[in-house]
N, C-alpha and C. Protein backbone atom coordinates (compact mmCIF):
# COMPACT_ATOMS: atom_id res chain seq x y z
N SER A 1 77.76 58.23 163.25
CA SER A 1 78.00 59.87 162.31
C SER A 1 79.18 59.97 162.33
N THR A 2 79.59 60.65 161.40
CA THR A 2 81.01 60.70 161.09
C THR A 2 81.32 62.61 161.08
N GLY A 3 82.50 63.25 161.28
CA GLY A 3 82.92 64.15 160.80
C GLY A 3 84.05 64.72 160.44
N HIS A 4 84.59 65.65 160.11
CA HIS A 4 85.73 65.94 159.36
C HIS A 4 86.06 67.42 159.21
N ALA A 5 86.82 67.86 159.06
CA ALA A 5 87.14 69.15 158.55
C ALA A 5 86.98 69.31 156.99
N VAL A 6 86.26 70.45 156.45
CA VAL A 6 86.02 70.54 155.23
C VAL A 6 87.09 71.40 154.08
N GLY A 7 87.34 72.74 154.73
CA GLY A 7 87.66 73.78 154.30
C GLY A 7 86.99 74.51 153.32
N GLY A 8 85.60 74.59 153.45
CA GLY A 8 84.78 75.28 152.83
C GLY A 8 84.83 76.73 153.17
N VAL A 9 84.75 77.17 154.33
CA VAL A 9 84.97 78.58 154.76
C VAL A 9 86.33 78.79 153.80
N LEU A 10 87.27 78.50 153.88
CA LEU A 10 88.36 78.90 153.37
C LEU A 10 88.24 79.11 151.84
N VAL A 11 88.00 78.00 151.32
CA VAL A 11 87.49 78.26 149.79
C VAL A 11 86.67 79.39 149.72
N ALA A 12 85.57 79.84 150.37
CA ALA A 12 85.02 80.86 150.07
C ALA A 12 85.76 82.07 150.36
N ILE A 13 86.39 82.26 151.43
CA ILE A 13 87.06 83.55 151.69
C ILE A 13 88.08 83.64 150.26
N LEU A 14 88.67 82.72 149.46
CA LEU A 14 89.57 82.68 148.67
C LEU A 14 88.49 82.92 147.31
N LEU A 15 87.77 82.31 147.16
CA LEU A 15 87.17 82.32 145.67
C LEU A 15 85.53 83.00 145.78
N GLY A 16 85.28 83.47 146.64
CA GLY A 16 83.95 83.70 147.05
C GLY A 16 83.01 82.52 146.91
N PRO A 17 81.72 82.44 147.98
CA PRO A 17 80.87 81.67 148.13
C PRO A 17 80.17 80.81 146.85
N TRP A 18 79.86 81.48 145.93
CA TRP A 18 79.45 80.91 144.71
C TRP A 18 80.51 79.82 144.41
N ALA A 19 81.66 80.38 143.60
CA ALA A 19 82.67 79.32 143.25
C ALA A 19 82.85 78.21 144.44
N ALA A 20 82.97 78.54 145.46
CA ALA A 20 83.20 77.58 146.53
C ALA A 20 82.30 76.51 146.50
N MET A 21 80.71 76.96 146.27
CA MET A 21 79.79 75.90 146.00
C MET A 21 79.91 74.80 145.05
N ILE A 22 80.61 75.41 143.86
CA ILE A 22 81.09 74.64 142.89
C ILE A 22 82.00 73.68 143.03
N ALA A 23 83.35 74.31 143.44
CA ALA A 23 84.52 73.63 144.11
C ALA A 23 84.09 72.40 144.78
N ILE A 24 83.79 72.73 146.10
CA ILE A 24 83.21 71.68 147.00
C ILE A 24 82.38 70.47 146.31
N THR A 25 81.38 71.06 145.51
CA THR A 25 80.32 69.93 144.65
C THR A 25 81.10 69.06 144.21
N VAL A 26 82.00 69.68 143.60
CA VAL A 26 83.17 68.53 142.44
C VAL A 26 83.82 67.82 143.30
N ALA A 27 84.33 68.37 144.27
CA ALA A 27 85.39 67.64 145.26
C ALA A 27 84.38 66.50 146.10
N LEU A 28 83.15 66.65 146.44
CA LEU A 28 82.28 65.66 146.92
C LEU A 28 81.92 64.67 145.83
N VAL A 29 81.94 64.79 144.72
CA VAL A 29 81.27 63.99 143.76
C VAL A 29 82.48 63.21 143.46
N ILE A 30 83.57 63.35 143.39
CA ILE A 30 84.96 62.91 143.15
C ILE A 30 84.98 61.88 144.21
N GLN A 31 85.08 62.32 144.98
CA GLN A 31 85.05 61.55 146.90
C GLN A 31 83.93 60.54 146.65
N ALA A 32 82.82 60.76 146.06
CA ALA A 32 81.78 59.60 146.46
C ALA A 32 81.88 58.54 145.01
N LEU A 33 82.39 59.11 143.98
CA LEU A 33 82.40 58.09 142.86
C LEU A 33 83.47 57.20 143.13
N LEU A 34 84.77 58.04 143.26
CA LEU A 34 86.03 57.25 143.27
C LEU A 34 86.27 56.68 144.75
N PHE A 35 86.02 57.20 145.72
CA PHE A 35 86.43 56.66 146.92
C PHE A 35 85.21 55.83 147.73
N GLY A 36 84.16 55.86 147.18
CA GLY A 36 83.23 55.65 148.20
C GLY A 36 82.88 56.61 149.52
N ASP A 37 83.40 57.74 149.61
CA ASP A 37 83.50 58.41 150.65
C ASP A 37 81.95 59.13 150.50
N GLY A 38 80.85 59.19 151.66
CA GLY A 38 79.64 59.74 151.76
C GLY A 38 78.78 59.20 150.96
N GLY A 39 79.27 58.29 149.79
CA GLY A 39 78.41 57.50 148.90
C GLY A 39 77.56 58.26 148.31
N ILE A 40 76.69 57.26 146.99
CA ILE A 40 76.18 58.15 145.93
C ILE A 40 74.42 58.70 146.38
N THR A 41 74.30 57.88 147.28
CA THR A 41 72.76 57.92 147.86
C THR A 41 72.99 59.31 148.82
N ALA A 42 73.86 59.75 149.32
CA ALA A 42 74.01 60.77 150.17
C ALA A 42 74.41 62.24 149.66
N ILE A 43 74.52 62.02 148.41
CA ILE A 43 75.37 63.23 147.77
C ILE A 43 74.88 64.46 147.63
N GLY A 44 73.26 64.45 147.31
CA GLY A 44 72.56 65.69 147.55
C GLY A 44 72.42 66.26 148.93
N ALA A 45 72.28 65.49 150.22
CA ALA A 45 72.50 65.89 151.58
C ALA A 45 74.13 66.76 151.70
N ASN A 46 75.14 65.68 151.25
CA ASN A 46 76.07 66.00 151.26
C ASN A 46 76.32 67.49 150.64
N CYS A 47 76.21 67.58 149.50
CA CYS A 47 76.62 68.89 148.85
C CYS A 47 75.75 69.97 149.35
N PHE A 48 74.31 69.96 149.84
CA PHE A 48 73.72 70.87 150.55
C PHE A 48 74.55 71.60 151.82
N ASN A 49 74.68 70.35 152.69
CA ASN A 49 75.50 70.70 153.98
C ASN A 49 76.77 71.36 153.76
N MET A 50 77.74 70.51 153.29
CA MET A 50 79.07 71.03 153.19
C MET A 50 79.51 72.19 151.72
N ALA A 51 78.44 71.98 150.71
CA ALA A 51 78.89 72.61 149.65
C ALA A 51 77.85 74.12 149.32
N VAL A 52 77.07 74.08 150.22
CA VAL A 52 76.01 75.26 150.13
C VAL A 52 75.99 76.19 151.30
N VAL A 53 75.41 75.14 152.47
CA VAL A 53 75.57 75.82 153.89
C VAL A 53 76.45 76.19 154.72
N LEU A 54 77.77 75.35 154.33
CA LEU A 54 79.12 75.87 155.00
C LEU A 54 79.67 77.12 154.54
N PRO A 55 79.78 77.00 152.99
CA PRO A 55 80.49 78.21 152.70
C PRO A 55 79.70 79.60 152.62
N PHE A 56 78.47 79.46 152.59
CA PHE A 56 77.73 80.58 152.29
C PHE A 56 77.81 81.17 154.14
N VAL A 57 77.39 80.20 155.00
CA VAL A 57 77.38 80.52 156.57
C VAL A 57 78.68 81.41 156.70
N GLY A 58 79.87 80.47 156.53
CA GLY A 58 81.08 81.14 157.23
C GLY A 58 81.35 82.46 156.20
N TYR A 59 81.34 82.53 154.97
CA TYR A 59 81.69 83.71 154.49
C TYR A 59 80.78 84.87 154.83
N GLY A 60 79.57 84.28 155.29
CA GLY A 60 78.62 85.49 155.29
C GLY A 60 79.10 85.97 157.40
N VAL A 61 79.51 85.47 158.06
CA VAL A 61 80.37 85.56 159.27
C VAL A 61 81.53 85.98 159.17
N TYR A 62 81.94 85.38 157.98
CA TYR A 62 83.56 86.26 157.59
C TYR A 62 83.70 87.93 157.30
N ARG A 63 82.59 87.94 156.57
CA ARG A 63 82.03 89.57 155.89
C ARG A 63 81.79 90.18 157.05
N LEU A 64 80.89 89.84 158.14
CA LEU A 64 80.16 90.32 159.15
C LEU A 64 81.22 90.86 159.80
N LEU A 65 82.36 89.73 160.40
CA LEU A 65 83.23 90.17 161.29
C LEU A 65 84.60 90.95 161.05
N GLY A 66 84.99 90.77 159.36
CA GLY A 66 86.35 91.20 158.84
C GLY A 66 85.51 92.37 158.41
N GLY A 67 84.35 92.87 158.23
CA GLY A 67 83.95 94.12 158.02
C GLY A 67 84.67 94.90 156.88
N GLY A 68 85.06 94.64 155.69
CA GLY A 68 86.05 95.48 154.75
C GLY A 68 87.25 95.75 154.99
N THR A 69 88.08 95.06 156.33
CA THR A 69 88.98 96.01 157.04
C THR A 69 90.28 95.34 156.32
N VAL A 70 91.33 95.98 156.16
CA VAL A 70 92.68 95.55 155.82
C VAL A 70 93.46 94.96 157.17
N ASN A 71 92.74 95.10 158.13
CA ASN A 71 93.67 94.55 159.55
C ASN A 71 93.54 93.23 159.55
N SER A 72 95.09 92.56 159.43
CA SER A 72 94.88 91.19 159.42
C SER A 72 94.90 90.76 160.60
N SER A 73 94.96 90.87 161.73
CA SER A 73 94.76 89.97 162.70
C SER A 73 93.05 90.20 162.93
N ARG A 74 92.29 90.93 162.68
CA ARG A 74 91.07 91.28 162.64
C ARG A 74 90.24 90.01 160.94
N ARG A 75 91.13 90.15 160.32
CA ARG A 75 90.93 88.79 159.29
C ARG A 75 91.02 87.62 159.94
N VAL A 76 92.22 87.26 160.63
CA VAL A 76 92.54 86.19 160.87
C VAL A 76 91.60 85.78 162.08
N VAL A 77 91.20 86.57 162.87
CA VAL A 77 89.85 86.24 163.95
C VAL A 77 88.91 85.79 163.21
N ALA A 78 88.59 86.84 162.55
CA ALA A 78 87.14 86.67 161.50
C ALA A 78 86.88 85.22 160.96
N ALA A 79 88.10 84.87 160.31
CA ALA A 79 88.19 83.47 159.48
C ALA A 79 88.22 82.33 160.68
N PHE A 80 88.88 82.72 161.84
CA PHE A 80 88.86 81.51 162.51
C PHE A 80 86.96 81.23 162.94
N VAL A 81 86.53 82.23 163.55
CA VAL A 81 85.11 82.17 163.79
C VAL A 81 84.30 81.98 162.88
N ALA A 82 84.78 82.24 161.64
CA ALA A 82 83.83 81.53 160.34
C ALA A 82 83.94 80.40 160.22
N GLY A 83 85.10 79.55 160.17
CA GLY A 83 85.23 78.27 159.99
C GLY A 83 84.50 77.36 161.07
N TYR A 84 84.72 77.97 162.35
CA TYR A 84 84.03 77.22 163.37
C TYR A 84 82.68 77.17 163.12
N VAL A 85 81.86 77.93 162.94
CA VAL A 85 80.22 78.70 162.64
C VAL A 85 79.93 77.91 161.45
N GLY A 86 80.55 78.08 160.46
CA GLY A 86 80.12 77.37 159.47
C GLY A 86 79.97 75.83 159.43
N ILE A 87 81.44 75.30 160.01
CA ILE A 87 81.18 73.94 160.15
C ILE A 87 79.87 73.06 161.17
N ASN A 88 79.80 73.89 162.16
CA ASN A 88 78.82 73.35 163.06
C ASN A 88 77.52 73.99 162.65
N VAL A 89 77.49 74.66 161.78
CA VAL A 89 75.90 75.04 161.26
C VAL A 89 75.45 73.79 160.09
N ALA A 90 76.49 73.59 159.61
CA ALA A 90 76.40 72.27 158.60
C ALA A 90 76.16 71.10 159.34
N ALA A 91 77.02 70.86 160.45
CA ALA A 91 76.77 69.58 160.86
C ALA A 91 75.85 69.33 161.64
N PHE A 92 75.16 70.55 162.41
CA PHE A 92 73.75 70.52 163.10
C PHE A 92 72.26 70.30 161.79
N LEU A 93 72.31 70.75 160.67
CA LEU A 93 71.57 70.42 159.58
C LEU A 93 71.76 68.92 159.44
N ALA A 94 72.97 68.68 159.48
CA ALA A 94 72.89 66.87 158.82
C ALA A 94 72.55 66.29 159.85
N GLY A 95 72.66 66.65 161.36
CA GLY A 95 72.20 65.91 162.32
C GLY A 95 70.73 65.80 162.50
N VAL A 96 69.83 66.98 161.72
CA VAL A 96 68.58 67.12 161.83
C VAL A 96 67.80 66.41 160.43
N GLU A 97 68.80 66.10 159.36
CA GLU A 97 68.58 65.38 158.17
C GLU A 97 68.47 63.96 158.79
N PHE A 98 69.64 63.64 159.59
CA PHE A 98 69.53 62.22 160.36
C PHE A 98 68.30 61.93 160.86
N GLY A 99 68.33 62.73 161.95
CA GLY A 99 67.33 62.46 162.61
C GLY A 99 65.76 62.19 162.42
N LEU A 100 65.27 62.96 161.07
CA LEU A 100 64.17 63.04 160.27
C LEU A 100 63.85 61.93 159.49
N GLN A 101 65.03 61.23 159.26
CA GLN A 101 64.80 60.03 158.51
C GLN A 101 63.59 59.01 159.21
N PRO A 102 64.00 58.33 160.28
CA PRO A 102 63.27 57.67 160.72
C PRO A 102 61.61 58.19 160.55
N HIS A 103 61.21 59.08 160.68
CA HIS A 103 59.58 59.75 160.59
C HIS A 103 59.39 60.13 159.06
N LEU A 104 60.55 59.96 158.08
CA LEU A 104 60.18 60.19 157.20
C LEU A 104 60.02 58.93 155.91
N CYS A 105 61.25 58.05 156.43
CA CYS A 105 61.63 56.86 155.65
C CYS A 105 61.36 55.63 156.47
N HIS A 106 60.29 54.80 156.58
CA HIS A 106 60.07 53.36 157.22
C HIS A 106 59.28 52.71 156.55
N THR A 107 59.47 51.42 157.21
CA THR A 107 58.47 50.44 156.75
C THR A 107 57.05 50.68 157.39
N VAL A 108 55.95 49.64 156.72
CA VAL A 108 54.79 49.93 156.95
C VAL A 108 54.67 49.39 158.57
N SER A 109 55.45 48.87 159.18
CA SER A 109 55.54 48.54 160.59
C SER A 109 56.38 49.67 161.58
N GLY A 110 56.86 50.76 160.71
CA GLY A 110 57.41 51.59 161.38
C GLY A 110 58.93 51.42 161.46
N GLN A 111 59.74 50.81 161.00
CA GLN A 111 61.09 50.19 160.95
C GLN A 111 61.72 51.45 160.27
N SER A 112 62.64 52.11 160.71
CA SER A 112 63.51 52.89 160.04
C SER A 112 64.35 52.23 158.70
N LEU A 113 64.17 52.90 157.49
CA LEU A 113 64.90 52.54 156.33
C LEU A 113 66.49 52.57 156.25
N TYR A 114 66.63 53.93 157.05
CA TYR A 114 67.95 54.21 156.70
C TYR A 114 68.86 54.67 158.29
N CYS A 115 68.49 55.76 158.64
CA CYS A 115 69.10 56.33 160.00
C CYS A 115 68.32 55.95 160.79
N PRO A 116 68.51 54.97 161.95
CA PRO A 116 67.72 54.48 162.99
C PRO A 116 67.30 55.41 164.09
N TYR A 117 67.78 56.34 164.16
CA TYR A 117 67.61 56.98 165.40
C TYR A 117 67.29 58.48 165.02
N GLY A 118 66.20 58.86 166.14
CA GLY A 118 65.38 60.31 165.91
C GLY A 118 66.26 61.33 165.96
N LEU A 119 65.79 62.79 166.08
CA LEU A 119 66.44 64.08 166.40
C LEU A 119 67.20 63.82 167.65
N LYS A 120 66.44 63.25 168.77
CA LYS A 120 67.08 63.47 170.09
C LYS A 120 68.57 62.58 170.13
N ILE A 121 68.76 61.88 169.42
CA ILE A 121 70.02 61.11 169.01
C ILE A 121 71.07 61.72 168.00
N ALA A 122 70.22 62.14 166.93
CA ALA A 122 71.20 62.49 165.78
C ALA A 122 71.86 63.88 165.98
N VAL A 123 71.08 64.66 166.12
CA VAL A 123 71.43 66.15 166.44
C VAL A 123 72.87 66.14 167.81
N PRO A 124 72.51 65.72 168.63
CA PRO A 124 73.52 65.67 169.73
C PRO A 124 74.70 65.15 169.05
N ALA A 125 74.74 64.20 168.21
CA ALA A 125 75.95 63.18 167.92
C ALA A 125 76.56 63.98 166.68
N MET A 126 75.93 64.30 165.88
CA MET A 126 76.55 65.28 165.05
C MET A 126 77.13 66.73 165.49
N ALA A 127 76.35 67.17 166.19
CA ALA A 127 76.58 68.77 166.81
C ALA A 127 78.04 68.62 167.64
N GLY A 128 77.70 67.57 168.55
CA GLY A 128 78.74 67.47 169.73
C GLY A 128 80.18 67.06 169.28
N GLU A 129 80.14 66.31 168.35
CA GLU A 129 81.77 66.05 167.99
C GLU A 129 82.21 67.41 167.00
N HIS A 130 81.17 68.00 166.31
CA HIS A 130 81.89 68.99 165.62
C HIS A 130 82.19 70.51 166.61
N LEU A 131 80.96 70.32 167.52
CA LEU A 131 81.50 71.33 168.70
C LEU A 131 82.72 71.60 169.20
N LEU A 132 82.99 69.94 169.30
CA LEU A 132 84.26 69.59 170.34
C LEU A 132 85.44 69.34 169.78
N VAL A 133 85.20 69.10 168.56
CA VAL A 133 86.63 68.63 167.79
C VAL A 133 86.63 69.52 166.37
N PHE A 134 86.15 68.91 165.76
CA PHE A 134 86.12 69.17 163.82
C PHE A 134 86.20 70.40 163.95
N GLY A 135 84.84 71.15 164.53
CA GLY A 135 84.81 72.97 164.53
C GLY A 135 86.19 73.71 164.77
N TRP A 136 86.83 73.16 165.96
CA TRP A 136 88.07 73.62 166.30
C TRP A 136 89.06 73.36 165.23
N VAL A 137 89.15 72.17 164.80
CA VAL A 137 90.15 72.06 163.92
C VAL A 137 90.28 72.82 162.28
N GLU A 138 88.84 72.82 161.87
CA GLU A 138 88.24 73.84 160.84
C GLU A 138 88.53 75.26 161.12
N ALA A 139 88.45 75.75 162.50
CA ALA A 139 88.76 77.06 162.70
C ALA A 139 90.23 77.67 162.59
N ILE A 140 91.02 76.57 163.71
CA ILE A 140 92.42 76.58 163.29
C ILE A 140 92.94 76.57 161.95
N VAL A 141 92.81 75.50 161.02
CA VAL A 141 93.43 75.56 159.70
C VAL A 141 92.88 76.81 159.25
N THR A 142 91.55 77.07 159.26
CA THR A 142 91.23 78.22 158.30
C THR A 142 92.12 79.59 158.91
N ALA A 143 92.03 79.89 160.15
CA ALA A 143 92.73 80.95 160.49
C ALA A 143 94.28 80.82 160.10
N LEU A 144 95.03 79.70 160.00
CA LEU A 144 96.43 79.68 160.08
C LEU A 144 96.68 80.02 158.28
N VAL A 145 95.79 79.33 157.51
CA VAL A 145 96.05 79.46 156.17
C VAL A 145 95.81 81.03 155.70
N VAL A 146 94.39 81.55 156.53
CA VAL A 146 94.51 82.83 155.98
C VAL A 146 95.45 83.87 156.47
N LYS A 147 96.09 83.67 157.71
CA LYS A 147 97.21 84.40 158.40
C LYS A 147 98.66 84.03 157.17
N TYR A 148 98.72 83.12 157.01
CA TYR A 148 99.97 82.74 155.95
C TYR A 148 99.74 83.46 154.42
N LEU A 149 98.79 83.38 154.17
CA LEU A 149 98.49 83.88 152.84
C LEU A 149 98.64 85.48 153.07
N GLN A 150 98.29 86.00 154.14
CA GLN A 150 98.14 87.42 154.12
C GLN A 150 99.76 87.70 154.43
N LYS A 151 100.76 86.84 154.87
CA LYS A 151 102.17 87.36 154.73
C LYS A 151 102.89 86.93 153.34
N HIS A 152 102.37 85.70 152.83
CA HIS A 152 103.42 85.42 151.58
C HIS A 152 102.60 85.56 150.45
N ALA A 153 101.27 85.47 150.36
CA ALA A 153 100.83 85.70 149.04
C ALA A 153 99.35 86.62 149.33
N PRO A 154 99.58 87.95 149.52
CA PRO A 154 98.68 88.84 150.13
C PRO A 154 97.43 89.10 148.61
N GLU A 155 98.01 88.84 147.64
CA GLU A 155 97.34 89.00 146.35
C GLU A 155 96.07 88.14 146.50
N LEU A 156 96.21 86.94 146.78
CA LEU A 156 95.10 85.79 147.19
C LEU A 156 94.04 86.30 148.13
N ILE A 157 94.25 87.45 149.10
CA ILE A 157 93.21 87.30 149.78
C ILE A 157 92.67 88.64 149.84
N GLY A 158 93.52 89.62 149.04
CA GLY A 158 92.67 91.09 148.59
C GLY A 158 92.87 92.18 149.87
N GLN A 159 92.34 93.54 149.23
CA GLN A 159 92.83 94.31 149.94
C GLN A 159 91.71 94.52 151.11
N GLU A 160 90.46 94.27 150.43
CA GLU A 160 88.87 93.95 151.25
C GLU A 160 88.39 92.63 151.22
N VAL A 161 87.73 92.62 152.14
CA VAL A 161 87.13 91.57 152.33
C VAL A 161 86.02 91.66 151.29
N ARG A 162 85.85 90.29 150.42
CA ARG A 162 84.90 90.20 149.14
C ARG A 162 83.94 89.43 149.73
């Protein structure tokens, strides 16, 4: 398994979830084509998890907790929680996708073609590292950038939660 901070919730906070979906998709395609990161065969799953689920879930949490307030500390907390929740939901779904592969894609003899581990191994592997490490990184970075932008470029954040 792998994990990393994505910045998807931050992009969704700044641009809205629809624009974030496009921006993250472009970044993932560039990473796959130029650097081999994630690979071409996984681009659909990567885009679904990181460019659709992550920004929309995170943005929804941010809106729910931010509640249209201009209270800067409440927005920072909302960004923190949204970053943590968004990346963990995306990681959980990636674990489910990995875990389903042995059941869906296998040889006639039953040997898995892609991911050899079922749900009992894949979901804890993906979710665990994100719950313990990468989710906190995503949350802290998202909150700190929102806090910084509120002080130095408040026009980027706006007066209300979009």
